[in-house]
PDB file of N, CA and C in Angstrom:
ATOM      1  N   MET A   1      -7.418   4.422  19.363  1.00  0.00           N
ATOM      2  CA  MET A   1      -6.815   3.908  18.137  1.00  0.00           C
ATOM      3  C   MET A   1      -7.329   2.478  17.939  1.00  0.00           C
ATOM      4  N   ASP A   2      -7.951   2.220  16.779  1.00  0.00           N
ATOM      5  CA  ASP A   2      -8.458   0.878  16.531  1.00  0.00           C
ATOM      6  C   ASP A   2      -7.355  -0.021  15.968  1.00  0.00           C
ATOM      7  N   SER A   3      -7.679  -1.301  15.825  1.00  0.00           N
ATOM      8  CA  SER A   3      -6.660  -2.272  15.408  1.00  0.00           C
ATOM      9  C   SER A   3      -6.120  -1.992  14.007  1.00  0.00           C
ATOM     10  N   LEU A   4      -6.959  -1.546  13.077  1.00  0.00           N
ATOM     11  CA  LEU A   4      -6.452  -1.257  11.735  1.00  0.00           C
ATOM     12  C   LEU A   4      -5.518  -0.054  11.767  1.00  0.00           C
ATOM     13  N   GLU A   5      -5.817   0.918  12.581  1.00  0.00           N
ATOM     14  CA  GLU A   5      -4.930   2.075  12.688  1.00  0.00           C
ATOM     15  C   GLU A   5      -3.553   1.650  13.201  1.00  0.00           C
ATOM     16  N   ARG A   6      -3.515   0.737  14.155  1.00  0.00           N
ATOM     17  CA  ARG A   6      -2.225   0.220  14.644  1.00  0.00           C
ATOM     18  C   ARG A   6      -1.470  -0.490  13.526  1.00  0.00           C
ATOM     19  N   VAL A   7      -2.181  -1.263  12.720  1.00  0.00           N
ATOM     20  CA  VAL A   7      -1.558  -1.952  11.587  1.00  0.00           C
ATOM     21  C   VAL A   7      -1.017  -0.935  10.586  1.00  0.00           C
ATOM     22  N   LEU A   8      -1.778   0.118  10.326  1.00  0.00           N
ATOM     23  CA  LEU A   8      -1.322   1.152   9.399  1.00  0.00           C
ATOM     24  C   LEU A   8      -0.041   1.810   9.896  1.00  0.00           C
ATOM     25  N   TRP A   9       0.031   2.107  11.177  1.00  0.00           N
ATOM     26  CA  TRP A   9       1.265   2.686  11.729  1.00  0.00           C
ATOM     27  C   TRP A   9       2.436   1.729  11.517  1.00  0.00           C
ATOM     28  N   TRP A  10       2.214   0.458  11.785  1.00  0.00           N
ATOM     29  CA  TRP A  10       3.290  -0.522  11.641  1.00  0.00           C
ATOM     30  C   TRP A  10       3.726  -0.661  10.182  1.00  0.00           C
ATOM     31  N   LEU A  11       2.769  -0.804   9.271  1.00  0.00           N
ATOM     32  CA  LEU A  11       3.096  -1.046   7.864  1.00  0.00           C
ATOM     33  C   LEU A  11       3.655   0.171   7.139  1.00  0.00           C
ATOM     34  N   PHE A  12       3.199   1.369   7.502  1.00  0.00           N
ATOM     35  CA  PHE A  12       3.536   2.551   6.712  1.00  0.00           C
ATOM     36  C   PHE A  12       4.412   3.572   7.432  1.00  0.00           C
ATOM     37  N   ALA A  13       4.742   3.298   8.690  1.00  0.00           N
ATOM     38  CA  ALA A  13       5.614   4.228   9.408  1.00  0.00           C
ATOM     39  C   ALA A  13       6.708   3.521  10.192  1.00  0.00           C
ATOM     40  N   GLY A  14       6.433   2.319  10.645  1.00  0.00           N
ATOM     41  CA  GLY A  14       7.358   1.713  11.595  1.00  0.00           C
ATOM     42  C   GLY A  14       8.120   0.501  11.130  1.00  0.00           C
ATOM     43  N   SER A  15       8.101   0.187   9.848  1.00  0.00           N
ATOM     44  CA  SER A  15       8.802  -1.020   9.419  1.00  0.00           C
ATOM     45  C   SER A  15       9.563  -0.785   8.118  1.00  0.00           C
ATOM     46  N   ALA A  16      10.520  -1.673   7.887  1.00  0.00           N
ATOM     47  CA  ALA A  16      11.270  -1.612   6.629  1.00  0.00           C
ATOM     48  C   ALA A  16      10.295  -1.816   5.475  1.00  0.00           C
ATOM     49  N   GLY A  17      10.501  -1.132   4.391  1.00  0.00           N
ATOM     50  CA  GLY A  17       9.631  -1.275   3.229  1.00  0.00           C
ATOM     51  C   GLY A  17       8.425  -0.364   3.237  1.00  0.00           C
ATOM     52  N   ALA A  18       8.314   0.477   4.262  1.00  0.00           N
ATOM     53  CA  ALA A  18       7.140   1.346   4.387  1.00  0.00           C
ATOM     54  C   ALA A  18       6.965   2.242   3.164  1.00  0.00           C
ATOM     55  N   GLU A  19       8.048   2.808   2.675  1.00  0.00           N
ATOM     56  CA  GLU A  19       7.940   3.729   1.532  1.00  0.00           C
ATOM     57  C   GLU A  19       7.448   3.003   0.282  1.00  0.00           C
ATOM     58  N   THR A  20       7.943   1.799   0.041  1.00  0.00           N
ATOM     59  CA  THR A  20       7.478   1.031  -1.120  1.00  0.00           C
ATOM     60  C   THR A  20       6.004   0.689  -0.969  1.00  0.00           C
ATOM     61  N   ARG A  21       5.590   0.281   0.231  1.00  0.00           N
ATOM     62  CA  ARG A  21       4.166  -0.016   0.456  1.00  0.00           C
ATOM     63  C   ARG A  21       3.312   1.223   0.249  1.00  0.00           C
ATOM     64  N   ARG A  22       3.794   2.377   0.679  1.00  0.00           N
ATOM     65  CA  ARG A  22       3.055   3.625   0.454  1.00  0.00           C
ATOM     66  C   ARG A  22       2.821   3.847  -1.034  1.00  0.00           C
ATOM     67  N   ARG A  23       3.873   3.687  -1.813  1.00  0.00           N
ATOM     68  CA  ARG A  23       3.774   3.905  -3.259  1.00  0.00           C
ATOM     69  C   ARG A  23       2.826   2.900  -3.906  1.00  0.00           C
ATOM     70  N   VAL A  24       2.918   1.641  -3.500  1.00  0.00           N
ATOM     71  CA  VAL A  24       2.054   0.595  -4.057  1.00  0.00           C
ATOM     72  C   VAL A  24       0.598   0.901  -3.723  1.00  0.00           C
ATOM     73  N   LEU A  25       0.341   1.254  -2.478  1.00  0.00           N
ATOM     74  CA  LEU A  25      -1.039   1.507  -2.061  1.00  0.00           C
ATOM     75  C   LEU A  25      -1.636   2.692  -2.803  1.00  0.00           C
ATOM     76  N   ARG A  26      -0.876   3.744  -2.953  1.00  0.00           N
ATOM     77  CA  ARG A  26      -1.395   4.911  -3.692  1.00  0.00           C
ATOM     78  C   ARG A  26      -1.665   4.554  -5.152  1.00  0.00           C
ATOM     79  N   ALA A  27      -0.798   3.743  -5.751  1.00  0.00           N
ATOM     80  CA  ALA A  27      -1.010   3.330  -7.145  1.00  0.00           C
ATOM     81  C   ALA A  27      -2.276   2.497  -7.280  1.00  0.00           C
ATOM     82  N   ILE A  28      -2.535   1.631  -6.316  1.00  0.00           N
ATOM     83  CA  ILE A  28      -3.753   0.807  -6.346  1.00  0.00           C
ATOM     84  C   ILE A  28      -4.986   1.688  -6.181  1.00  0.00           C
ATOM     85  N   ARG A  29      -4.899   2.676  -5.314  1.00  0.00           N
ATOM     86  CA  ARG A  29      -6.046   3.566  -5.121  1.00  0.00           C
ATOM     87  C   ARG A  29      -6.344   4.338  -6.402  1.00  0.00           C
ATOM     88  N   GLU A  30      -5.294   4.736  -7.095  1.00  0.00           N
ATOM     89  CA  GLU A  30      -5.449   5.458  -8.359  1.00  0.00           C
ATOM     90  C   GLU A  30      -6.134   4.587  -9.405  1.00  0.00           C
ATOM     91  N   GLN A  31      -5.700   3.315  -9.461  1.00  0.00           N
ATOM     92  CA  GLN A  31      -6.261   2.380 -10.440  1.00  0.00           C
ATOM     93  C   GLN A  31      -5.926   0.956 -10.011  1.00  0.00           C
ATOM     94  N   PRO A  32      -6.925   0.088  -9.854  1.00  0.00           N
ATOM     95  CA  PRO A  32      -6.631  -1.308  -9.520  1.00  0.00           C
ATOM     96  C   PRO A  32      -5.707  -1.905 -10.588  1.00  0.00           C
ATOM     97  N   ARG A  33      -4.722  -2.671 -10.140  1.00  0.00           N
ATOM     98  CA  ARG A  33      -3.731  -3.239 -11.056  1.00  0.00           C
ATOM     99  C   ARG A  33      -3.281  -4.597 -10.548  1.00  0.00           C
ATOM    100  N   ASN A  34      -2.631  -5.352 -11.442  1.00  0.00           N
ATOM    101  CA  ASN A  34      -2.012  -6.596 -11.008  1.00  0.00           C
ATOM    102  C   ASN A  34      -0.564  -6.308 -10.619  1.00  0.00           C
ATOM    103  N   ALA A  35       0.119  -7.304 -10.091  1.00  0.00           N
ATOM    104  CA  ALA A  35       1.479  -7.108  -9.586  1.00  0.00           C
ATOM    105  C   ALA A  35       2.436  -6.655 -10.684  1.00  0.00           C
ATOM    106  N   GLN A  36       2.314  -7.219 -11.860  1.00  0.00           N
ATOM    107  CA  GLN A  36       3.203  -6.844 -12.957  1.00  0.00           C
ATOM    108  C   GLN A  36       2.993  -5.385 -13.357  1.00  0.00           C
ATOM    109  N   GLN A  37       1.746  -4.977 -13.450  1.00  0.00           N
ATOM    110  CA  GLN A  37       1.444  -3.582 -13.792  1.00  0.00           C
ATOM    111  C   GLN A  37       1.983  -2.618 -12.735  1.00  0.00           C
ATOM    112  N   LEU A  38       1.855  -3.004 -11.475  1.00  0.00           N
ATOM    113  CA  LEU A  38       2.383  -2.170 -10.397  1.00  0.00           C
ATOM    114  C   LEU A  38       3.903  -2.065 -10.478  1.00  0.00           C
ATOM    115  N   ALA A  39       4.560  -3.196 -10.707  1.00  0.00           N
ATOM    116  CA  ALA A  39       6.022  -3.201 -10.808  1.00  0.00           C
ATOM    117  C   ALA A  39       6.487  -2.279 -11.930  1.00  0.00           C
ATOM    118  N   GLN A  40       5.825  -2.370 -13.065  1.00  0.00           N
ATOM    119  CA  GLN A  40       6.199  -1.519 -14.204  1.00  0.00           C
ATOM    120  C   GLN A  40       5.916  -0.043 -13.915  1.00  0.00           C
ATOM    121  N   ALA A  41       4.754   0.245 -13.375  1.00  0.00           N
ATOM    122  CA  ALA A  41       4.367   1.633 -13.122  1.00  0.00           C
ATOM    123  C   ALA A  41       5.273   2.308 -12.092  1.00  0.00           C
ATOM    124  N   LEU A  42       5.734   1.537 -11.117  1.00  0.00           N
ATOM    125  CA  LEU A  42       6.530   2.111 -10.035  1.00  0.00           C
ATOM    126  C   LEU A  42       8.035   1.933 -10.224  1.00  0.00           C
ATOM    127  N   GLY A  43       8.422   1.147 -11.223  1.00  0.00           N
ATOM    128  CA  GLY A  43       9.845   0.896 -11.433  1.00  0.00           C
ATOM    129  C   GLY A  43      10.462   0.097 -10.295  1.00  0.00           C
ATOM    130  N   VAL A  44       9.687  -0.848  -9.769  1.00  0.00           N
ATOM    131  CA  VAL A  44      10.120  -1.677  -8.648  1.00  0.00           C
ATOM    132  C   VAL A  44      10.129  -3.129  -9.117  1.00  0.00           C
ATOM    133  N   ASP A  45      11.061  -3.913  -8.596  1.00  0.00           N
ATOM    134  CA  ASP A  45      11.159  -5.321  -8.951  1.00  0.00           C
ATOM    135  C   ASP A  45       9.844  -6.057  -8.651  1.00  0.00           C
ATOM    136  N   TYR A  46       9.452  -6.930  -9.562  1.00  0.00           N
ATOM    137  CA  TYR A  46       8.195  -7.680  -9.445  1.00  0.00           C
ATOM    138  C   TYR A  46       8.118  -8.455  -8.126  1.00  0.00           C
ATOM    139  N   THR A  47       9.201  -9.131  -7.745  1.00  0.00           N
ATOM    140  CA  THR A  47       9.163  -9.929  -6.510  1.00  0.00           C
ATOM    141  C   THR A  47       9.015  -9.033  -5.278  1.00  0.00           C
ATOM    142  N   THR A  48       9.566  -7.842  -5.337  1.00  0.00           N
ATOM    143  CA  THR A  48       9.406  -6.883  -4.240  1.00  0.00           C
ATOM    144  C   THR A  48       7.956  -6.445  -4.136  1.00  0.00           C
ATOM    145  N   VAL A  49       7.350  -6.143  -5.264  1.00  0.00           N
ATOM    146  CA  VAL A  49       5.935  -5.756  -5.281  1.00  0.00           C
ATOM    147  C   VAL A  49       5.078  -6.887  -4.744  1.00  0.00           C
ATOM    148  N   ARG A  50       5.328  -8.109  -5.185  1.00  0.00           N
ATOM    149  CA  ARG A  50       4.548  -9.268  -4.716  1.00  0.00           C
ATOM    150  C   ARG A  50       4.667  -9.417  -3.204  1.00  0.00           C
ATOM    151  N   HIS A  51       5.868  -9.238  -2.684  1.00  0.00           N
ATOM    152  CA  HIS A  51       6.067  -9.346  -1.236  1.00  0.00           C
ATOM    153  C   HIS A  51       5.194  -8.333  -0.501  1.00  0.00           C
ATOM    154  N   HIS A  52       5.247  -7.079  -0.919  1.00  0.00           N
ATOM    155  CA  HIS A  52       4.483  -6.037  -0.236  1.00  0.00           C
ATOM    156  C   HIS A  52       2.983  -6.232  -0.402  1.00  0.00           C
ATOM    157  N   LEU A  53       2.553  -6.698  -1.557  1.00  0.00           N
ATOM    158  CA  LEU A  53       1.133  -6.996  -1.747  1.00  0.00           C
ATOM    159  C   LEU A  53       0.682  -8.111  -0.809  1.00  0.00           C
ATOM    160  N   ARG A  54       1.505  -9.126  -0.656  1.00  0.00           N
ATOM    161  CA  ARG A  54       1.175 -10.246   0.229  1.00  0.00           C
ATOM    162  C   ARG A  54       1.047  -9.743   1.680  1.00  0.00           C
ATOM    163  N   VAL A  55       1.986  -8.916   2.110  1.00  0.00           N
ATOM    164  CA  VAL A  55       1.932  -8.358   3.467  1.00  0.00           C
ATOM    165  C   VAL A  55       0.659  -7.538   3.658  1.00  0.00           C
ATOM    166  N   MET A  56       0.352  -6.692   2.688  1.00  0.00           N
ATOM    167  CA  MET A  56      -0.843  -5.858   2.815  1.00  0.00           C
ATOM    168  C   MET A  56      -2.122  -6.684   2.752  1.00  0.00           C
ATOM    169  N   GLU A  57      -2.135  -7.717   1.927  1.00  0.00           N
ATOM    170  CA  GLU A  57      -3.315  -8.576   1.861  1.00  0.00           C
ATOM    171  C   GLU A  57      -3.517  -9.319   3.176  1.00  0.00           C
ATOM    172  N   GLN A  58      -2.452  -9.838   3.752  1.00  0.00           N
ATOM    173  CA  GLN A  58      -2.547 -10.559   5.022  1.00  0.00           C
ATOM    174  C   GLN A  58      -3.027  -9.666   6.157  1.00  0.00           C
ATOM    175  N   ASN A  59      -2.811  -8.367   6.019  1.00  0.00           N
ATOM    176  CA  ASN A  59      -3.200  -7.428   7.064  1.00  0.00           C
ATOM    177  C   ASN A  59      -4.479  -6.657   6.752  1.00  0.00           C
ATOM    178  N   GLY A  60      -5.210  -7.091   5.718  1.00  0.00           N
ATOM    179  CA  GLY A  60      -6.516  -6.521   5.426  1.00  0.00           C
ATOM    180  C   GLY A  60      -6.499  -5.148   4.776  1.00  0.00           C
ATOM    181  N   ILE A  61      -5.372  -4.771   4.172  1.00  0.00           N
ATOM    182  CA  ILE A  61      -5.240  -3.463   3.544  1.00  0.00           C
ATOM    183  C   ILE A  61      -5.713  -3.497   2.094  1.00  0.00           C
ATOM    184  N   VAL A  62      -5.417  -4.591   1.416  1.00  0.00           N
ATOM    185  CA  VAL A  62      -5.852  -4.765   0.030  1.00  0.00           C
ATOM    186  C   VAL A  62      -6.645  -6.054  -0.096  1.00  0.00           C
ATOM    187  N   THR A  63      -7.423  -6.110  -1.139  1.00  0.00           N
ATOM    188  CA  THR A  63      -8.194  -7.299  -1.474  1.00  0.00           C
ATOM    189  C   THR A  63      -7.966  -7.583  -2.954  1.00  0.00           C
ATOM    190  N   THR A  64      -8.337  -8.769  -3.392  1.00  0.00           N
ATOM    191  CA  THR A  64      -8.057  -9.153  -4.771  1.00  0.00           C
ATOM    192  C   THR A  64      -9.274  -9.738  -5.451  1.00  0.00           C
ATOM    193  N   THR A  65      -9.175  -9.775  -6.764  1.00  0.00           N
ATOM    194  CA  THR A  65     -10.136 -10.502  -7.580  1.00  0.00           C
ATOM    195  C   THR A  65      -9.373 -11.069  -8.756  1.00  0.00           C
ATOM    196  N   GLY A  66      -9.819 -12.206  -9.236  1.00  0.00           N
ATOM    197  CA  GLY A  66      -9.149 -12.839 -10.360  1.00  0.00           C
ATOM    198  C   GLY A  66      -8.243 -13.971  -9.920  1.00  0.00           C
ATOM    199  N   ASP A  67      -7.572 -14.562 -10.929  1.00  0.00           N
ATOM    200  CA  ASP A  67      -6.711 -15.691 -10.622  1.00  0.00           C
ATOM    201  C   ASP A  67      -5.260 -15.259 -10.467  1.00  0.00           C
ATOM    202  N   ARG A  68      -4.398 -16.206 -10.268  1.00  0.00           N
ATOM    203  CA  ARG A  68      -3.018 -16.003  -9.833  1.00  0.00           C
ATOM    204  C   ARG A  68      -2.275 -14.852 -10.515  1.00  0.00           C
ATOM    205  N   TYR A  69      -2.003 -14.946 -11.799  1.00  0.00           N
ATOM    206  CA  TYR A  69      -1.171 -13.940 -12.450  1.00  0.00           C
ATOM    207  C   TYR A  69      -1.956 -12.712 -12.901  1.00  0.00           C
ATOM    208  N   GLY A  70      -3.239 -12.882 -13.130  1.00  0.00           N
ATOM    209  CA  GLY A  70      -4.048 -11.751 -13.542  1.00  0.00           C
ATOM    210  C   GLY A  70      -4.766 -11.105 -12.378  1.00  0.00           C
ATOM    211  N   LYS A  71      -4.453 -11.556 -11.157  1.00  0.00           N
ATOM    212  CA  LYS A  71      -5.124 -11.073  -9.960  1.00  0.00           C
ATOM    213  C   LYS A  71      -4.990  -9.561  -9.846  1.00  0.00           C
ATOM    214  N   LEU A  72      -6.133  -8.886  -9.735  1.00  0.00           N
ATOM    215  CA  LEU A  72      -6.141  -7.428  -9.558  1.00  0.00           C
ATOM    216  C   LEU A  72      -6.230  -7.100  -8.077  1.00  0.00           C
ATOM    217  N   TYR A  73      -5.527  -6.072  -7.695  1.00  0.00           N
ATOM    218  CA  TYR A  73      -5.513  -5.613  -6.311  1.00  0.00           C
ATOM    219  C   TYR A  73      -6.320  -4.328  -6.182  1.00  0.00           C
ATOM    220  N   PHE A  74      -7.107  -4.274  -5.117  1.00  0.00           N
ATOM    221  CA  PHE A  74      -7.962  -3.138  -4.792  1.00  0.00           C
ATOM    222  C   PHE A  74      -7.741  -2.788  -3.323  1.00  0.00           C
ATOM    223  N   LEU A  75      -8.076  -1.571  -2.936  1.00  0.00           N
ATOM    224  CA  LEU A  75      -8.100  -1.251  -1.517  1.00  0.00           C
ATOM    225  C   LEU A  75      -9.247  -2.021  -0.878  1.00  0.00           C
ATOM    226  N   SER A  76      -9.025  -2.532   0.306  1.00  0.00           N
ATOM    227  CA  SER A  76     -10.111  -3.194   1.031  1.00  0.00           C
ATOM    228  C   SER A  76     -11.107  -2.140   1.495  1.00  0.00           C
ATOM    229  N   ASN A  77     -12.305  -2.576   1.838  1.00  0.00           N
ATOM    230  CA  ASN A  77     -13.309  -1.646   2.359  1.00  0.00           C
ATOM    231  C   ASN A  77     -12.801  -0.958   3.624  1.00  0.00           C
ATOM    232  N   ALA A  78     -12.112  -1.714   4.468  1.00  0.00           N
ATOM    233  CA  ALA A  78     -11.573  -1.141   5.705  1.00  0.00           C
ATOM    234  C   ALA A  78     -10.529  -0.071   5.399  1.00  0.00           C
ATOM    235  N   MET A  79      -9.691  -0.324   4.391  1.00  0.00           N
ATOM    236  CA  MET A  79      -8.670   0.662   4.031  1.00  0.00           C
ATOM    237  C   MET A  79      -9.320   1.909   3.453  1.00  0.00           C
ATOM    238  N   GLU A  80     -10.323   1.730   2.622  1.00  0.00           N
ATOM    239  CA  GLU A  80     -11.058   2.881   2.082  1.00  0.00           C
ATOM    240  C   GLU A  80     -11.598   3.732   3.233  1.00  0.00           C
ATOM    241  N   ALA A  81     -12.156   3.068   4.242  1.00  0.00           N
ATOM    242  CA  ALA A  81     -12.738   3.779   5.377  1.00  0.00           C
ATOM    243  C   ALA A  81     -11.672   4.464   6.237  1.00  0.00           C
ATOM    244  N   HIS A  82     -10.434   3.976   6.166  1.00  0.00           N
ATOM    245  CA  HIS A  82      -9.341   4.524   6.972  1.00  0.00           C
ATOM    246  C   HIS A  82      -8.355   5.357   6.144  1.00  0.00           C
ATOM    247  N   TRP A  83      -8.743   5.745   4.933  1.00  0.00           N
ATOM    248  CA  TRP A  83      -7.807   6.477   4.077  1.00  0.00           C
ATOM    249  C   TRP A  83      -7.317   7.772   4.747  1.00  0.00           C
ATOM    250  N   ALA A  84      -8.183   8.485   5.426  1.00  0.00           N
ATOM    251  CA  ALA A  84      -7.778   9.726   6.095  1.00  0.00           C
ATOM    252  C   ALA A  84      -6.747   9.438   7.192  1.00  0.00           C
ATOM    253  N   VAL A  85      -6.888   8.323   7.861  1.00  0.00           N
ATOM    254  CA  VAL A  85      -5.913   7.926   8.881  1.00  0.00           C
ATOM    255  C   VAL A  85      -4.566   7.653   8.215  1.00  0.00           C
ATOM    256  N   PHE A  86      -4.591   6.946   7.097  1.00  0.00           N
ATOM    257  CA  PHE A  86      -3.371   6.664   6.331  1.00  0.00           C
ATOM    258  C   PHE A  86      -2.682   7.977   5.944  1.00  0.00           C
ATOM    259  N   GLU A  87      -3.426   8.914   5.391  1.00  0.00           N
ATOM    260  CA  GLU A  87      -2.863  10.203   4.987  1.00  0.00           C
ATOM    261  C   GLU A  87      -2.289  10.953   6.189  1.00  0.00           C
ATOM    262  N   SER A  88      -2.955  10.876   7.323  1.00  0.00           N
ATOM    263  CA  SER A  88      -2.472  11.514   8.544  1.00  0.00           C
ATOM    264  C   SER A  88      -1.144  10.904   8.986  1.00  0.00           C
ATOM    265  N   ILE A  89      -1.036   9.600   8.903  1.00  0.00           N
ATOM    266  CA  ILE A  89       0.214   8.911   9.248  1.00  0.00           C
ATOM    267  C   ILE A  89       1.334   9.377   8.326  1.00  0.00           C
ATOM    268  N   LEU A  90       1.035   9.475   7.040  1.00  0.00           N
ATOM    269  CA  LEU A  90       2.051   9.929   6.089  1.00  0.00           C
ATOM    270  C   LEU A  90       2.496  11.354   6.421  1.00  0.00           C
ATOM    271  N   GLN A  91       1.549  12.224   6.755  1.00  0.00           N
ATOM    272  CA  GLN A  91       1.887  13.604   7.099  1.00  0.00           C
ATOM    273  C   GLN A  91       2.781  13.657   8.328  1.00  0.00           C
ATOM    274  N   ARG A  92       2.469  12.863   9.311  1.00  0.00           N
ATOM    275  CA  ARG A  92       3.235  12.874  10.563  1.00  0.00           C
ATOM    276  C   ARG A  92       4.635  12.300  10.394  1.00  0.00           C
ATOM    277  N   THR A  93       4.798  11.395   9.445  1.00  0.00           N
ATOM    278  CA  THR A  93       6.087  10.718   9.282  1.00  0.00           C
ATOM    279  C   THR A  93       6.873  11.229   8.094  1.00  0.00           C
ATOM    280  N   ARG A  94       6.351  12.229   7.423  1.00  0.00           N
ATOM    281  CA  ARG A  94       7.014  12.766   6.232  1.00  0.00           C
ATOM    282  C   ARG A  94       8.364  13.368   6.600  1.00  0.00           C
ATOM    283  N   ARG A  95       9.371  12.960   5.864  1.00  0.00           N
ATOM    284  CA  ARG A  95      10.721  13.498   6.035  1.00  0.00           C
ATOM    285  C   ARG A  95      10.894  14.643   5.041  1.00  0.00           C
ATOM    286  N   PRO A  96      11.844  15.541   5.272  1.00  0.00           N
ATOM    287  CA  PRO A  96      12.032  16.685   4.371  1.00  0.00           C
ATOM    288  C   PRO A  96      12.167  16.293   2.906  1.00  0.00           C
ATOM    289  N   LYS A  97      12.844  15.195   2.588  1.00  0.00           N
ATOM    290  CA  LYS A  97      12.999  14.800   1.191  1.00  0.00           C
ATOM    291  C   LYS A  97      11.673  14.368   0.573  1.00  0.00           C
ATOM    292  N   ASP A  98      10.668  14.046   1.415  1.00  0.00           N
ATOM    293  CA  ASP A  98       9.355  13.606   0.928  1.00  0.00           C
ATOM    294  C   ASP A  98       8.438  14.780   0.572  1.00  0.00           C
ATOM    295  N   GLU A  99       8.815  15.981   0.924  1.00  0.00           N
ATOM    296  CA  GLU A  99       7.912  17.125   0.772  1.00  0.00           C
ATOM    297  C   GLU A  99       7.306  17.236  -0.619  1.00  0.00           C
ATOM    298  N   GLY A 100       8.049  16.900  -1.656  1.00  0.00           N
ATOM    299  CA  GLY A 100       7.512  16.987  -3.005  1.00  0.00           C
ATOM    300  C   GLY A 100       6.696  15.779  -3.396  1.00  0.00           C
ATOM    301  N   ALA A 101       6.718  14.715  -2.579  1.00  0.00           N
ATOM    302  CA  ALA A 101       5.999  13.488  -2.899  1.00  0.00           C
ATOM    303  C   ALA A 101       4.513  13.719  -2.767  1.00  0.00           C
ATOM    304  N   GLY A 102       3.730  13.066  -3.692  1.00  0.00           N
ATOM    305  CA  GLY A 102       2.307  13.276  -3.720  1.00  0.00           C
ATOM    306  C   GLY A 102       1.558  12.533  -2.752  1.00  0.00           C
TER     307      GLY A 102
END
């Protein structure tokens, strides 16, 4: 298990906020967006989205371009390369209520 895989387990399976981070990350993969767009698309408070984006950015999961408020978030190259690992983690940690989740 490499270091990014350990981070993925921590961020998406072993910590509070994992489900929100999962949703944010999938939305970014679907289409790069800024924090406001993510908050609106997911129906999550803007400050909550900003918090999770900051955590993911600090851990090399997402990268950005642009300035402060218009900053767009993208999956990092490392995250793109580890997407199958991320999906595997989600499969292993899926709870029965998640079965319909995409």
